[in-house]
Amino acid sequence: MSRRDWIPEILYEEGDEGDSNIPFIMVPDNQVMPTFLYVFESRETGEIEPGLDGEDVPVVQWDLHQYADMSILKERLGSDVYDEIRISLGLEPLLVASRKGQEISSRVRQALAGSEK
């Protein structure tokens, strides 16, 4: 199967214990995770038009969105440009986010250490 023959499918985990809202893509052994995804947003407009058999069919607006792998951008862009992208997406600069993540991890470790006593 060539890279062109494989179409990534976005999936969501289902189960009894805490369904995840984070989607995943099952990548076959001979493929690589896409670095860029196109996703259509589909939204009914509230209008109706006649279908092939004269039935009412909702009018749907389609808008194309593009999603890039942030790890590729981090690897290939300078830190200033990467931080500009993060900020434009509503994220904090990487160093600020990393520091906050370390603080959260530290509090979790302290809480776990306290619960072991």
C-alpha atoms as a PDB file:
ATOM      1  CA  MET A   1       0.000   0.000   0.000  1.00  0.00           C
ATOM      2  CA  SER A   2       1.520   3.304  -1.048  1.00  0.00           C
ATOM      3  CA  ARG A   3       1.250   6.452   0.999  1.00  0.00           C
ATOM      4  CA  ARG A   4      -1.422   7.710  -1.415  1.00  0.00           C
ATOM      5  CA  ASP A   5      -3.554   4.584  -0.935  1.00  0.00           C
ATOM      6  CA  TRP A   6      -3.896   5.098   2.817  1.00  0.00           C
ATOM      7  CA  ILE A   7      -6.458   7.572   4.089  1.00  0.00           C
ATOM      8  CA  PRO A   8      -6.098   8.425   7.794  1.00  0.00           C
ATOM      9  CA  GLU A   9      -9.270   7.886   9.805  1.00  0.00           C
ATOM     10  CA  ILE A  10      -9.908   9.954  12.922  1.00  0.00           C
ATOM     11  CA  LEU A  11     -11.298   7.735  15.696  1.00  0.00           C
ATOM     12  CA  TYR A  12     -12.515   8.213  19.268  1.00  0.00           C
ATOM     13  CA  GLU A  13     -12.122   5.692  22.069  1.00  0.00           C
ATOM     14  CA  GLU A  14     -15.320   4.283  23.484  1.00  0.00           C
ATOM     15  CA  GLY A  15     -15.630   2.404  26.725  1.00  0.00           C
ATOM     16  CA  ASP A  16     -17.185   2.222  30.145  1.00  0.00           C
ATOM     17  CA  GLU A  17     -14.379   3.978  31.985  1.00  0.00           C
ATOM     18  CA  GLY A  18     -13.940   7.633  31.091  1.00  0.00           C
ATOM     19  CA  ASP A  19     -14.226   8.013  27.352  1.00  0.00           C
ATOM     20  CA  SER A  20     -11.422  10.163  25.994  1.00  0.00           C
ATOM     21  CA  ASN A  21     -12.222  13.289  24.017  1.00  0.00           C
ATOM     22  CA  ILE A  22      -8.830  13.070  22.327  1.00  0.00           C
ATOM     23  CA  PRO A  23      -9.081  11.405  18.911  1.00  0.00           C
ATOM     24  CA  PHE A  24      -6.493   9.012  17.535  1.00  0.00           C
ATOM     25  CA  ILE A  25      -5.396   7.681  14.149  1.00  0.00           C
ATOM     26  CA  MET A  26      -4.427   4.027  13.722  1.00  0.00           C
ATOM     27  CA  VAL A  27      -1.294   4.139  11.551  1.00  0.00           C
ATOM     28  CA  PRO A  28      -0.460   0.959   9.590  1.00  0.00           C
ATOM     29  CA  ASP A  29       3.082  -0.419   9.954  1.00  0.00           C
ATOM     30  CA  ASN A  30       4.074   0.670   6.446  1.00  0.00           C
ATOM     31  CA  GLN A  31       2.775   4.251   6.847  1.00  0.00           C
ATOM     32  CA  VAL A  32       3.702   7.369   8.819  1.00  0.00           C
ATOM     33  CA  MET A  33       1.520   9.714  10.811  1.00  0.00           C
ATOM     34  CA  PRO A  34       0.398  12.616   8.591  1.00  0.00           C
ATOM     35  CA  THR A  35       2.142  15.895   9.359  1.00  0.00           C
ATOM     36  CA  PHE A  36      -0.802  17.869   8.015  1.00  0.00           C
ATOM     37  CA  LEU A  37      -4.546  17.137   7.998  1.00  0.00           C
ATOM     38  CA  TYR A  38      -7.415  18.674   6.082  1.00  0.00           C
ATOM     39  CA  VAL A  39     -10.769  18.534   7.881  1.00  0.00           C
ATOM     40  CA  PHE A  40     -14.083  19.839   6.604  1.00  0.00           C
ATOM     41  CA  GLU A  41     -16.401  21.597   9.030  1.00  0.00           C
ATOM     42  CA  SER A  42     -20.004  20.848   8.092  1.00  0.00           C
ATOM     43  CA  ARG A  43     -22.747  23.127   9.405  1.00  0.00           C
ATOM     44  CA  GLU A  44     -26.430  23.334   8.518  1.00  0.00           C
ATOM     45  CA  THR A  45     -27.424  26.859   7.467  1.00  0.00           C
ATOM     46  CA  GLY A  46     -31.047  26.607   8.595  1.00  0.00           C
ATOM     47  CA  GLU A  47     -32.208  26.781   4.986  1.00  0.00           C
ATOM     48  CA  ILE A  48     -33.944  23.973   3.094  1.00  0.00           C
ATOM     49  CA  GLU A  49     -33.817  23.043  -0.587  1.00  0.00           C
ATOM     50  CA  PRO A  50     -35.660  20.350  -2.557  1.00  0.00           C
ATOM     51  CA  GLY A  51     -33.913  16.975  -2.855  1.00  0.00           C
ATOM     52  CA  LEU A  52     -33.891  14.644  -5.865  1.00  0.00           C
ATOM     53  CA  ASP A  53     -37.354  13.311  -4.976  1.00  0.00           C
ATOM     54  CA  GLY A  54     -38.746  16.711  -3.948  1.00  0.00           C
ATOM     55  CA  GLU A  55     -38.136  16.104  -0.230  1.00  0.00           C
ATOM     56  CA  ASP A  56     -36.799  18.882   2.010  1.00  0.00           C
ATOM     57  CA  VAL A  57     -33.009  18.683   2.348  1.00  0.00           C
ATOM     58  CA  PRO A  58     -31.078  20.964   4.717  1.00  0.00           C
ATOM     59  CA  VAL A  59     -28.525  23.263   3.067  1.00  0.00           C
ATOM     60  CA  VAL A  60     -25.062  22.573   4.470  1.00  0.00           C
ATOM     61  CA  GLN A  61     -22.088  24.938   4.477  1.00  0.00           C
ATOM     62  CA  TRP A  62     -18.646  23.321   4.173  1.00  0.00           C
ATOM     63  CA  ASP A  63     -15.482  25.076   5.402  1.00  0.00           C
ATOM     64  CA  LEU A  64     -12.038  23.527   4.980  1.00  0.00           C
ATOM     65  CA  HIS A  65      -9.674  23.628   7.982  1.00  0.00           C
ATOM     66  CA  GLN A  66      -5.994  22.660   8.042  1.00  0.00           C
ATOM     67  CA  TYR A  67      -4.130  21.178  11.034  1.00  0.00           C
ATOM     68  CA  ALA A  68      -0.356  20.844  11.303  1.00  0.00           C
ATOM     69  CA  ASP A  69       1.746  18.604  13.555  1.00  0.00           C
ATOM     70  CA  MET A  70       3.117  20.971  16.210  1.00  0.00           C
ATOM     71  CA  SER A  71       6.149  18.730  16.849  1.00  0.00           C
ATOM     72  CA  ILE A  72       7.256  19.262  13.221  1.00  0.00           C
ATOM     73  CA  LEU A  73       6.841  23.036  13.595  1.00  0.00           C
ATOM     74  CA  LYS A  74       8.770  22.988  16.888  1.00  0.00           C
ATOM     75  CA  GLU A  75      11.586  20.998  15.282  1.00  0.00           C
ATOM     76  CA  ARG A  76      11.902  23.091  12.116  1.00  0.00           C
ATOM     77  CA  LEU A  77      11.112  26.656  13.205  1.00  0.00           C
ATOM     78  CA  GLY A  78      13.033  29.010  15.425  1.00  0.00           C
ATOM     79  CA  SER A  79      11.708  29.335  18.970  1.00  0.00           C
ATOM     80  CA  ASP A  80      10.445  32.899  18.358  1.00  0.00           C
ATOM     81  CA  VAL A  81       8.396  31.891  15.308  1.00  0.00           C
ATOM     82  CA  TYR A  82       7.152  28.746  17.069  1.00  0.00           C
ATOM     83  CA  ASP A  83       6.031  30.827  20.056  1.00  0.00           C
ATOM     84  CA  GLU A  84       4.251  33.264  17.709  1.00  0.00           C
ATOM     85  CA  ILE A  85       2.309  30.341  16.273  1.00  0.00           C
ATOM     86  CA  ARG A  86       1.484  29.025  19.758  1.00  0.00           C
ATOM     87  CA  ILE A  87       0.272  32.465  20.863  1.00  0.00           C
ATOM     88  CA  SER A  88      -1.821  32.897  17.686  1.00  0.00           C
ATOM     89  CA  LEU A  89      -3.525  29.565  18.536  1.00  0.00           C
ATOM     90  CA  GLY A  90      -4.322  30.731  22.071  1.00  0.00           C
ATOM     91  CA  LEU A  91      -1.444  28.839  23.722  1.00  0.00           C
ATOM     92  CA  GLU A  92       1.271  30.219  25.942  1.00  0.00           C
ATOM     93  CA  PRO A  93       4.905  30.435  24.810  1.00  0.00           C
ATOM     94  CA  LEU A  94       6.643  27.079  25.206  1.00  0.00           C
ATOM     95  CA  LEU A  95       8.885  28.069  28.121  1.00  0.00           C
ATOM     96  CA  VAL A  96       5.938  29.482  30.090  1.00  0.00           C
ATOM     97  CA  ALA A  97       3.818  26.380  29.413  1.00  0.00           C
ATOM     98  CA  SER A  98       6.743  24.071  30.314  1.00  0.00           C
ATOM     99  CA  ARG A  99       7.324  25.875  33.594  1.00  0.00           C
ATOM    100  CA  LYS A 100       3.638  25.610  34.505  1.00  0.00           C
ATOM    101  CA  GLY A 101       3.660  21.921  33.562  1.00  0.00           C
ATOM    102  CA  GLN A 102       6.660  21.310  35.822  1.00  0.00           C
ATOM    103  CA  GLU A 103       4.890  23.091  38.690  1.00  0.00           C
ATOM    104  CA  ILE A 104       1.800  20.911  38.228  1.00  0.00           C
ATOM    105  CA  SER A 105       3.943  17.759  38.101  1.00  0.00           C
ATOM    106  CA  SER A 106       5.722  18.833  41.287  1.00  0.00           C
ATOM    107  CA  ARG A 107       2.407  19.355  43.117  1.00  0.00           C
ATOM    108  CA  VAL A 108       1.169  15.946  41.945  1.00  0.00           C
ATOM    109  CA  ARG A 109       4.369  14.264  43.169  1.00  0.00           C
ATOM    110  CA  GLN A 110       4.043  16.035  46.537  1.00  0.00           C
ATOM    111  CA  ALA A 111       0.412  14.979  46.864  1.00  0.00           C
ATOM    112  CA  LEU A 112       1.287  11.382  46.001  1.00  0.00           C
ATOM    113  CA  ALA A 113       4.171  11.377  48.476  1.00  0.00           C
ATOM    114  CA  GLY A 114       1.817  12.751  51.151  1.00  0.00           C
ATOM    115  CA  SER A 115      -0.784  10.055  50.487  1.00  0.00           C
ATOM    116  CA  GLU A 116       1.803   7.287  50.909  1.00  0.00           C
ATOM    117  CA  LYS A 117       2.462   8.237  54.522  1.00  0.00           C
END
